[in-house]
PDB file of N, CA and C in Angstrom:
ATOM      1  N   MET A   1     311.483  40.621 138.251  1.00  0.00           N
ATOM      2  CA  MET A   1     312.057  41.952 138.202  1.00  0.00           C
ATOM      3  C   MET A   1     313.164  42.019 137.140  1.00  0.00           C
ATOM      4  N   ARG A   2     313.953  40.967 137.085  1.00  0.00           N
ATOM      5  CA  ARG A   2     315.045  40.944 136.120  1.00  0.00           C
ATOM      6  C   ARG A   2     314.506  40.965 134.690  1.00  0.00           C
ATOM      7  N   ASN A   3     313.384  40.279 134.480  1.00  0.00           N
ATOM      8  CA  ASN A   3     312.762  40.270 133.154  1.00  0.00           C
ATOM      9  C   ASN A   3     312.362  41.676 132.735  1.00  0.00           C
ATOM     10  N   TYR A   4     311.850  42.453 133.662  1.00  0.00           N
ATOM     11  CA  TYR A   4     311.435  43.816 133.337  1.00  0.00           C
ATOM     12  C   TYR A   4     312.635  44.686 132.973  1.00  0.00           C
ATOM     13  N   LEU A   5     313.719  44.553 133.708  1.00  0.00           N
ATOM     14  CA  LEU A   5     314.877  45.417 133.474  1.00  0.00           C
ATOM     15  C   LEU A   5     315.595  45.104 132.170  1.00  0.00           C
ATOM     16  N   PHE A   6     315.821  43.837 131.915  1.00  0.00           N
ATOM     17  CA  PHE A   6     316.658  43.485 130.774  1.00  0.00           C
ATOM     18  C   PHE A   6     315.867  43.242 129.491  1.00  0.00           C
ATOM     19  N   ALA A   7     314.705  42.623 129.585  1.00  0.00           N
ATOM     20  CA  ALA A   7     313.940  42.311 128.378  1.00  0.00           C
ATOM     21  C   ALA A   7     313.230  43.528 127.808  1.00  0.00           C
ATOM     22  N   SER A   8     312.912  44.479 128.637  1.00  0.00           N
ATOM     23  CA  SER A   8     312.144  45.629 128.163  1.00  0.00           C
ATOM     24  C   SER A   8     313.013  46.747 127.609  1.00  0.00           C
ATOM     25  N   GLY A   9     314.297  46.715 127.839  1.00  0.00           N
ATOM     26  CA  GLY A   9     315.171  47.784 127.371  1.00  0.00           C
ATOM     27  C   GLY A   9     315.325  48.914 128.367  1.00  0.00           C
ATOM     28  N   LEU A  10     314.739  48.764 129.550  1.00  0.00           N
ATOM     29  CA  LEU A  10     314.813  49.819 130.552  1.00  0.00           C
ATOM     30  C   LEU A  10     316.244  50.022 131.040  1.00  0.00           C
ATOM     31  N   PHE A  11     316.967  48.940 131.214  1.00  0.00           N
ATOM     32  CA  PHE A  11     318.353  49.037 131.678  1.00  0.00           C
ATOM     33  C   PHE A  11     319.199  49.829 130.682  1.00  0.00           C
ATOM     34  N   GLY A  12     319.051  49.533 129.407  1.00  0.00           N
ATOM     35  CA  GLY A  12     319.790  50.262 128.372  1.00  0.00           C
ATOM     36  C   GLY A  12     319.393  51.721 128.296  1.00  0.00           C
ATOM     37  N   ALA A  13     318.107  51.991 128.492  1.00  0.00           N
ATOM     38  CA  ALA A  13     317.639  53.378 128.451  1.00  0.00           C
ATOM     39  C   ALA A  13     318.199  54.179 129.622  1.00  0.00           C
ATOM     40  N   ILE A  14     318.245  53.565 130.779  1.00  0.00           N
ATOM     41  CA  ILE A  14     318.787  54.260 131.953  1.00  0.00           C
ATOM     42  C   ILE A  14     320.275  54.523 131.785  1.00  0.00           C
ATOM     43  N   THR A  15     321.026  53.526 131.328  1.00  0.00           N
ATOM     44  CA  THR A  15     322.464  53.730 131.152  1.00  0.00           C
ATOM     45  C   THR A  15     322.758  54.746 130.050  1.00  0.00           C
ATOM     46  N   SER A  16     321.951  54.751 129.001  1.00  0.00           N
ATOM     47  CA  SER A  16     322.175  55.768 127.968  1.00  0.00           C
ATOM     48  C   SER A  16     321.807  57.156 128.480  1.00  0.00           C
ATOM     49  N   GLY A  17     320.840  57.232 129.368  1.00  0.00           N
ATOM     50  CA  GLY A  17     320.499  58.513 129.989  1.00  0.00           C
ATOM     51  C   GLY A  17     321.620  59.038 130.861  1.00  0.00           C
ATOM     52  N   ILE A  18     322.277  58.136 131.574  1.00  0.00           N
ATOM     53  CA  ILE A  18     323.421  58.540 132.400  1.00  0.00           C
ATOM     54  C   ILE A  18     324.553  59.054 131.513  1.00  0.00           C
ATOM     55  N   ALA A  19     324.817  58.336 130.427  1.00  0.00           N
ATOM     56  CA  ALA A  19     325.865  58.780 129.499  1.00  0.00           C
ATOM     57  C   ALA A  19     325.502  60.114 128.854  1.00  0.00           C
ATOM     58  N   LEU A  20     324.246  60.291 128.527  1.00  0.00           N
ATOM     59  CA  LEU A  20     323.792  61.553 127.939  1.00  0.00           C
ATOM     60  C   LEU A  20     323.921  62.693 128.939  1.00  0.00           C
ATOM     61  N   LEU A  21     323.596  62.424 130.181  1.00  0.00           N
ATOM     62  CA  LEU A  21     323.723  63.446 131.220  1.00  0.00           C
ATOM     63  C   LEU A  21     325.180  63.860 131.409  1.00  0.00           C
ATOM     64  N   ARG A  22     326.071  62.884 131.427  1.00  0.00           N
ATOM     65  CA  ARG A  22     327.497  63.204 131.567  1.00  0.00           C
ATOM     66  C   ARG A  22     328.012  63.999 130.373  1.00  0.00           C
ATOM     67  N   GLY A  23     327.527  63.660 129.190  1.00  0.00           N
ATOM     68  CA  GLY A  23     328.001  64.334 127.985  1.00  0.00           C
ATOM     69  C   GLY A  23     327.467  65.740 127.811  1.00  0.00           C
ATOM     70  N   THR A  24     326.298  66.012 128.352  1.00  0.00           N
ATOM     71  CA  THR A  24     325.691  67.329 128.145  1.00  0.00           C
ATOM     72  C   THR A  24     325.694  68.197 129.397  1.00  0.00           C
ATOM     73  N   ARG A  25     326.352  67.749 130.426  1.00  0.00           N
ATOM     74  CA  ARG A  25     326.339  68.496 131.685  1.00  0.00           C
ATOM     75  C   ARG A  25     326.926  69.900 131.534  1.00  0.00           C
ATOM     76  N   ASP A  26     328.078  70.009 130.924  1.00  0.00           N
ATOM     77  CA  ASP A  26     328.751  71.306 130.799  1.00  0.00           C
ATOM     78  C   ASP A  26     328.585  71.937 129.418  1.00  0.00           C
ATOM     79  N   ALA A  27     327.894  71.266 128.534  1.00  0.00           N
ATOM     80  CA  ALA A  27     327.724  71.774 127.169  1.00  0.00           C
ATOM     81  C   ALA A  27     326.551  72.757 127.117  1.00  0.00           C
ATOM     82  N   PRO A  28     326.627  73.701 126.194  1.00  0.00           N
ATOM     83  CA  PRO A  28     325.498  74.625 126.044  1.00  0.00           C
ATOM     84  C   PRO A  28     324.285  73.896 125.443  1.00  0.00           C
ATOM     85  N   ILE A  29     323.121  74.453 125.663  1.00  0.00           N
ATOM     86  CA  ILE A  29     321.901  73.855 125.130  1.00  0.00           C
ATOM     87  C   ILE A  29     321.777  74.225 123.650  1.00  0.00           C
ATOM     88  N   THR A  30     321.857  73.215 122.811  1.00  0.00           N
ATOM     89  CA  THR A  30     321.721  73.405 121.368  1.00  0.00           C
ATOM     90  C   THR A  30     320.575  72.533 120.874  1.00  0.00           C
ATOM     91  N   TRP A  31     320.255  72.658 119.611  1.00  0.00           N
ATOM     92  CA  TRP A  31     319.176  71.849 119.064  1.00  0.00           C
ATOM     93  C   TRP A  31     319.549  70.368 119.057  1.00  0.00           C
ATOM     94  N   ARG A  32     320.837  70.078 118.949  1.00  0.00           N
ATOM     95  CA  ARG A  32     321.273  68.678 118.983  1.00  0.00           C
ATOM     96  C   ARG A  32     321.081  68.076 120.366  1.00  0.00           C
ATOM     97  N   ALA A  33     321.375  68.870 121.390  1.00  0.00           N
ATOM     98  CA  ALA A  33     321.177  68.391 122.758  1.00  0.00           C
ATOM     99  C   ALA A  33     319.691  68.173 123.043  1.00  0.00           C
ATOM    100  N   VAL A  34     318.870  69.077 122.554  1.00  0.00           N
ATOM    101  CA  VAL A  34     317.425  68.935 122.748  1.00  0.00           C
ATOM    102  C   VAL A  34     316.915  67.676 122.052  1.00  0.00           C
ATOM    103  N   LEU A  35     317.389  67.426 120.839  1.00  0.00           N
ATOM    104  CA  LEU A  35     316.988  66.214 120.125  1.00  0.00           C
ATOM    105  C   LEU A  35     317.480  64.952 120.838  1.00  0.00           C
ATOM    106  N   ALA A  36     318.675  65.013 121.403  1.00  0.00           N
ATOM    107  CA  ALA A  36     319.199  63.858 122.130  1.00  0.00           C
ATOM    108  C   ALA A  36     318.338  63.559 123.353  1.00  0.00           C
ATOM    109  N   TRP A  37     317.957  64.598 124.088  1.00  0.00           N
ATOM    110  CA  TRP A  37     317.112  64.393 125.268  1.00  0.00           C
ATOM    111  C   TRP A  37     315.711  63.936 124.871  1.00  0.00           C
ATOM    112  N   LEU A  38     315.199  64.452 123.772  1.00  0.00           N
ATOM    113  CA  LEU A  38     313.898  64.023 123.281  1.00  0.00           C
ATOM    114  C   LEU A  38     313.933  62.546 122.891  1.00  0.00           C
ATOM    115  N   SER A  39     314.992  62.152 122.237  1.00  0.00           N
ATOM    116  CA  SER A  39     315.165  60.757 121.854  1.00  0.00           C
ATOM    117  C   SER A  39     315.249  59.860 123.083  1.00  0.00           C
ATOM    118  N   TRP A  40     315.962  60.313 124.092  1.00  0.00           N
ATOM    119  CA  TRP A  40     316.066  59.536 125.324  1.00  0.00           C
ATOM    120  C   TRP A  40     314.698  59.417 125.998  1.00  0.00           C
ATOM    121  N   GLY A  41     313.926  60.481 125.997  1.00  0.00           N
ATOM    122  CA  GLY A  41     312.587  60.438 126.589  1.00  0.00           C
ATOM    123  C   GLY A  41     311.679  59.448 125.874  1.00  0.00           C
ATOM    124  N   ILE A  42     311.777  59.411 124.555  1.00  0.00           N
ATOM    125  CA  ILE A  42     310.986  58.453 123.782  1.00  0.00           C
ATOM    126  C   ILE A  42     311.418  57.029 124.103  1.00  0.00           C
ATOM    127  N   THR A  43     312.724  56.814 124.255  1.00  0.00           N
ATOM    128  CA  THR A  43     313.234  55.493 124.598  1.00  0.00           C
ATOM    129  C   THR A  43     312.711  55.038 125.951  1.00  0.00           C
ATOM    130  N   ILE A  44     312.710  55.932 126.928  1.00  0.00           N
ATOM    131  CA  ILE A  44     312.178  55.600 128.256  1.00  0.00           C
ATOM    132  C   ILE A  44     310.688  55.273 128.157  1.00  0.00           C
ATOM    133  N   ALA A  45     309.949  56.062 127.393  1.00  0.00           N
ATOM    134  CA  ALA A  45     308.507  55.824 127.249  1.00  0.00           C
ATOM    135  C   ALA A  45     308.231  54.457 126.620  1.00  0.00           C
ATOM    136  N   LEU A  46     309.012  54.080 125.619  1.00  0.00           N
ATOM    137  CA  LEU A  46     308.829  52.774 124.991  1.00  0.00           C
ATOM    138  C   LEU A  46     309.181  51.638 125.944  1.00  0.00           C
ATOM    139  N   ALA A  47     310.225  51.822 126.744  1.00  0.00           N
ATOM    140  CA  ALA A  47     310.610  50.794 127.708  1.00  0.00           C
ATOM    141  C   ALA A  47     309.533  50.621 128.776  1.00  0.00           C
ATOM    142  N   VAL A  48     308.990  51.725 129.257  1.00  0.00           N
ATOM    143  CA  VAL A  48     307.924  51.642 130.262  1.00  0.00           C
ATOM    144  C   VAL A  48     306.680  51.004 129.646  1.00  0.00           C
ATOM    145  N   GLY A  49     306.385  51.330 128.400  1.00  0.00           N
ATOM    146  CA  GLY A  49     305.259  50.696 127.715  1.00  0.00           C
ATOM    147  C   GLY A  49     305.441  49.193 127.576  1.00  0.00           C
ATOM    148  N   ALA A  50     306.659  48.761 127.317  1.00  0.00           N
ATOM    149  CA  ALA A  50     306.934  47.325 127.225  1.00  0.00           C
ATOM    150  C   ALA A  50     306.732  46.651 128.577  1.00  0.00           C
ATOM    151  N   ILE A  51     307.126  47.325 129.647  1.00  0.00           N
ATOM    152  CA  ILE A  51     306.925  46.772 130.985  1.00  0.00           C
ATOM    153  C   ILE A  51     305.433  46.632 131.278  1.00  0.00           C
ATOM    154  N   VAL A  52     304.658  47.633 130.906  1.00  0.00           N
ATOM    155  CA  VAL A  52     303.207  47.572 131.109  1.00  0.00           C
ATOM    156  C   VAL A  52     302.619  46.393 130.332  1.00  0.00           C
ATOM    157  N   ASP A  53     303.099  46.179 129.112  1.00  0.00           N
ATOM    158  CA  ASP A  53     302.599  45.057 128.318  1.00  0.00           C
ATOM    159  C   ASP A  53     302.986  43.717 128.932  1.00  0.00           C
ATOM    160  N   TYR A  54     304.194  43.601 129.471  1.00  0.00           N
ATOM    161  CA  TYR A  54     304.596  42.366 130.144  1.00  0.00           C
ATOM    162  C   TYR A  54     303.695  42.089 131.346  1.00  0.00           C
ATOM    163  N   ARG A  55     303.386  43.139 132.109  1.00  0.00           N
ATOM    164  CA  ARG A  55     302.510  42.978 133.274  1.00  0.00           C
ATOM    165  C   ARG A  55     301.110  42.545 132.853  1.00  0.00           C
ATOM    166  N   ARG A  56     300.585  43.167 131.803  1.00  0.00           N
ATOM    167  CA  ARG A  56     299.256  42.790 131.321  1.00  0.00           C
ATOM    168  C   ARG A  56     299.239  41.341 130.855  1.00  0.00           C
ATOM    169  N   ASP A  57     300.307  40.917 130.192  1.00  0.00           N
ATOM    170  CA  ASP A  57     300.384  39.538 129.728  1.00  0.00           C
ATOM    171  C   ASP A  57     300.424  38.576 130.904  1.00  0.00           C
ATOM    172  N   GLU A  58     301.162  38.917 131.946  1.00  0.00           N
ATOM    173  CA  GLU A  58     301.228  38.050 133.123  1.00  0.00           C
ATOM    174  C   GLU A  58     299.871  37.913 133.801  1.00  0.00           C
ATOM    175  N   ARG A  59     299.083  38.965 133.782  1.00  0.00           N
ATOM    176  CA  ARG A  59     297.761  38.952 134.413  1.00  0.00           C
ATOM    177  C   ARG A  59     296.690  38.357 133.509  1.00  0.00           C
ATOM    178  N   GLY A  60     297.039  38.047 132.282  1.00  0.00           N
ATOM    179  CA  GLY A  60     296.086  37.458 131.360  1.00  0.00           C
ATOM    180  C   GLY A  60     295.261  38.468 130.591  1.00  0.00           C
ATOM    181  N   GLU A  61     295.603  39.733 130.669  1.00  0.00           N
ATOM    182  CA  GLU A  61     294.880  40.767 129.934  1.00  0.00           C
ATOM    183  C   GLU A  61     295.446  40.866 128.519  1.00  0.00           C
ATOM    184  N   SER A  62     294.630  41.341 127.606  1.00  0.00           N
ATOM    185  CA  SER A  62     295.105  41.475 126.229  1.00  0.00           C
ATOM    186  C   SER A  62     295.956  42.734 126.087  1.00  0.00           C
ATOM    187  N   VAL A  63     296.882  42.679 125.141  1.00  0.00           N
ATOM    188  CA  VAL A  63     297.755  43.817 124.865  1.00  0.00           C
ATOM    189  C   VAL A  63     297.483  44.310 123.453  1.00  0.00           C
ATOM    190  N   SER A  64     297.997  45.468 123.135  1.00  0.00           N
ATOM    191  CA  SER A  64     297.815  46.058 121.816  1.00  0.00           C
ATOM    192  C   SER A  64     298.502  45.198 120.755  1.00  0.00           C
ATOM    193  N   TYR A  65     297.984  45.245 119.544  1.00  0.00           N
ATOM    194  CA  TYR A  65     298.528  44.414 118.466  1.00  0.00           C
ATOM    195  C   TYR A  65     299.959  44.783 118.089  1.00  0.00           C
ATOM    196  N   ASP A  66     300.392  46.013 118.395  1.00  0.00           N
ATOM    197  CA  ASP A  66     301.742  46.423 118.028  1.00  0.00           C
ATOM    198  C   ASP A  66     302.747  46.200 119.153  1.00  0.00           C
ATOM    199  N   SER A  67     302.327  45.540 120.197  1.00  0.00           N
ATOM    200  CA  SER A  67     303.207  45.245 121.325  1.00  0.00           C
ATOM    201  C   SER A  67     304.134  44.086 120.982  1.00  0.00           C
ATOM    202  N   PRO A  68     305.340  44.071 121.555  1.00  0.00           N
ATOM    203  CA  PRO A  68     306.224  42.921 121.322  1.00  0.00           C
ATOM    204  C   PRO A  68     305.686  41.636 121.950  1.00  0.00           C
ATOM    205  N   VAL A  69     304.742  41.752 122.863  1.00  0.00           N
ATOM    206  CA  VAL A  69     304.166  40.592 123.536  1.00  0.00           C
ATOM    207  C   VAL A  69     302.994  40.018 122.736  1.00  0.00           C
ATOM    208  N   ALA A  70     302.433  40.782 121.820  1.00  0.00           N
ATOM    209  CA  ALA A  70     301.231  40.374 121.085  1.00  0.00           C
ATOM    210  C   ALA A  70     301.395  39.056 120.321  1.00  0.00           C
ATOM    211  N   PRO A  71     302.495  38.817 119.599  1.00  0.00           N
ATOM    212  CA  PRO A  71     302.612  37.526 118.904  1.00  0.00           C
ATOM    213  C   PRO A  71     302.626  36.334 119.856  1.00  0.00           C
ATOM    214  N   VAL A  72     303.224  36.508 121.012  1.00  0.00           N
ATOM    215  CA  VAL A  72     303.256  35.429 122.005  1.00  0.00           C
ATOM    216  C   VAL A  72     301.841  35.152 122.506  1.00  0.00           C
ATOM    217  N   GLN A  73     301.095  36.220 122.786  1.00  0.00           N
ATOM    218  CA  GLN A  73     299.711  36.051 123.232  1.00  0.00           C
ATOM    219  C   GLN A  73     298.865  35.387 122.153  1.00  0.00           C
ATOM    220  N   TYR A  74     299.065  35.780 120.912  1.00  0.00           N
ATOM    221  CA  TYR A  74     298.302  35.198 119.810  1.00  0.00           C
ATOM    222  C   TYR A  74     298.570  33.698 119.692  1.00  0.00           C
ATOM    223  N   LYS A  75     299.833  33.314 119.755  1.00  0.00           N
ATOM    224  CA  LYS A  75     300.180  31.896 119.663  1.00  0.00           C
ATOM    225  C   LYS A  75     299.599  31.113 120.829  1.00  0.00           C
ATOM    226  N   ARG A  76     299.649  31.696 122.026  1.00  0.00           N
ATOM    227  CA  ARG A  76     299.106  31.032 123.207  1.00  0.00           C
ATOM    228  C   ARG A  76     297.593  30.846 123.076  1.00  0.00           C
ATOM    229  N   ALA A  77     296.895  31.872 122.613  1.00  0.00           N
ATOM    230  CA  ALA A  77     295.439  31.784 122.450  1.00  0.00           C
ATOM    231  C   ALA A  77     295.074  30.764 121.374  1.00  0.00           C
ATOM    232  N   LYS A  78     295.847  30.735 120.303  1.00  0.00           N
ATOM    233  CA  LYS A  78     295.595  29.782 119.227  1.00  0.00           C
ATOM    234  C   LYS A  78     295.787  28.347 119.722  1.00  0.00           C
ATOM    235  N   LYS A  79     296.818  28.132 120.521  1.00  0.00           N
ATOM    236  CA  LYS A  79     297.094  26.806 121.071  1.00  0.00           C
ATOM    237  C   LYS A  79     295.988  26.381 122.035  1.00  0.00           C
ATOM    238  N   GLU A  80     295.528  27.312 122.873  1.00  0.00           N
ATOM    239  CA  GLU A  80     294.456  26.996 123.814  1.00  0.00           C
ATOM    240  C   GLU A  80     293.155  26.681 123.078  1.00  0.00           C
ATOM    241  N   LEU A  81     292.858  27.424 122.021  1.00  0.00           N
ATOM    242  CA  LEU A  81     291.652  27.172 121.237  1.00  0.00           C
ATOM    243  C   LEU A  81     291.713  25.805 120.570  1.00  0.00           C
ATOM    244  N   LYS A  82     292.876  25.459 120.058  1.00  0.00           N
ATOM    245  CA  LYS A  82     293.051  24.164 119.411  1.00  0.00           C
ATOM    246  C   LYS A  82     292.850  23.029 120.415  1.00  0.00           C
ATOM    247  N   ALA A  83     293.400  23.186 121.623  1.00  0.00           N
ATOM    248  CA  ALA A  83     293.232  22.168 122.657  1.00  0.00           C
ATOM    249  C   ALA A  83     291.772  22.069 123.094  1.00  0.00           C
ATOM    250  N   GLU A  84     291.099  23.205 123.163  1.00  0.00           N
ATOM    251  CA  GLU A  84     289.688  23.208 123.547  1.00  0.00           C
ATOM    252  C   GLU A  84     288.826  22.505 122.497  1.00  0.00           C
ATOM    253  N   LEU A  85     289.099  22.779 121.225  1.00  0.00           N
ATOM    254  CA  LEU A  85     288.354  22.115 120.155  1.00  0.00           C
ATOM    255  C   LEU A  85     288.620  20.612 120.141  1.00  0.00           C
ATOM    256  N   LYS A  86     289.841  20.232 120.413  1.00  0.00           N
ATOM    257  CA  LYS A  86     290.196  18.815 120.458  1.00  0.00           C
ATOM    258  C   LYS A  86     289.460  18.117 121.595  1.00  0.00           C
ATOM    259  N   ALA A  87     289.395  18.765 122.755  1.00  0.00           N
ATOM    260  CA  ALA A  87     288.686  18.188 123.896  1.00  0.00           C
ATOM    261  C   ALA A  87     287.190  18.100 123.614  1.00  0.00           C
ATOM    262  N   GLN A  88     286.662  19.088 122.915  1.00  0.00           N
ATOM    263  CA  GLN A  88     285.238  19.078 122.582  1.00  0.00           C
ATOM    264  C   GLN A  88     284.918  17.945 121.606  1.00  0.00           C
ATOM    265  N   ARG A  89     285.768  17.744 120.621  1.00  0.00           N
ATOM    266  CA  ARG A  89     285.567  16.645 119.668  1.00  0.00           C
ATOM    267  C   ARG A  89     285.645  15.295 120.366  1.00  0.00           C
ATOM    268  N   LYS A  90     286.565  15.183 121.305  1.00  0.00           N
ATOM    269  CA  LYS A  90     286.725  13.938 122.052  1.00  0.00           C
ATOM    270  C   LYS A  90     285.487  13.671 122.901  1.00  0.00           C
ATOM    271  N   ALA A  91     284.933  14.723 123.486  1.00  0.00           N
ATOM    272  CA  ALA A  91     283.729  14.569 124.305  1.00  0.00           C
ATOM    273  C   ALA A  91     282.520  14.221 123.438  1.00  0.00           C
ATOM    274  N   ASP A  92     282.467  14.747 122.226  1.00  0.00           N
ATOM    275  CA  ASP A  92     281.353  14.448 121.328  1.00  0.00           C
ATOM    276  C   ASP A  92     281.375  12.992 120.865  1.00  0.00           C
ATOM    277  N   LYS A  93     282.564  12.430 120.697  1.00  0.00           N
ATOM    278  CA  LYS A  93     282.692  11.037 120.267  1.00  0.00           C
ATOM    279  C   LYS A  93     282.285  10.073 121.371  1.00  0.00           C
ATOM    280  N   ALA A  94     282.484  10.479 122.606  1.00  0.00           N
ATOM    281  CA  ALA A  94     282.203   9.573 123.730  1.00  0.00           C
ATOM    282  C   ALA A  94     280.750   9.513 124.093  1.00  0.00           C
TER     283      ALA A  94
END
């Protein structure tokens, strides 16, 4: 659970949302306020997307190539393939 909150940016997005809410509570609705809320919504969406990618990685499912988890998955798959080829060569020699 801690990995999801801190590594994905969700904690920062929530705290920035609280600060944004406090700052715009009594202010009139302007285009700047709308852009700030839109930016916060995008930040939340990206954080939730990162959490989904972490979950998919834990379950062994593939993630999109633009995910922050994708390079880790690629390295892991490359390492597993290398170990598999090494075991196959060893079995062929025996």
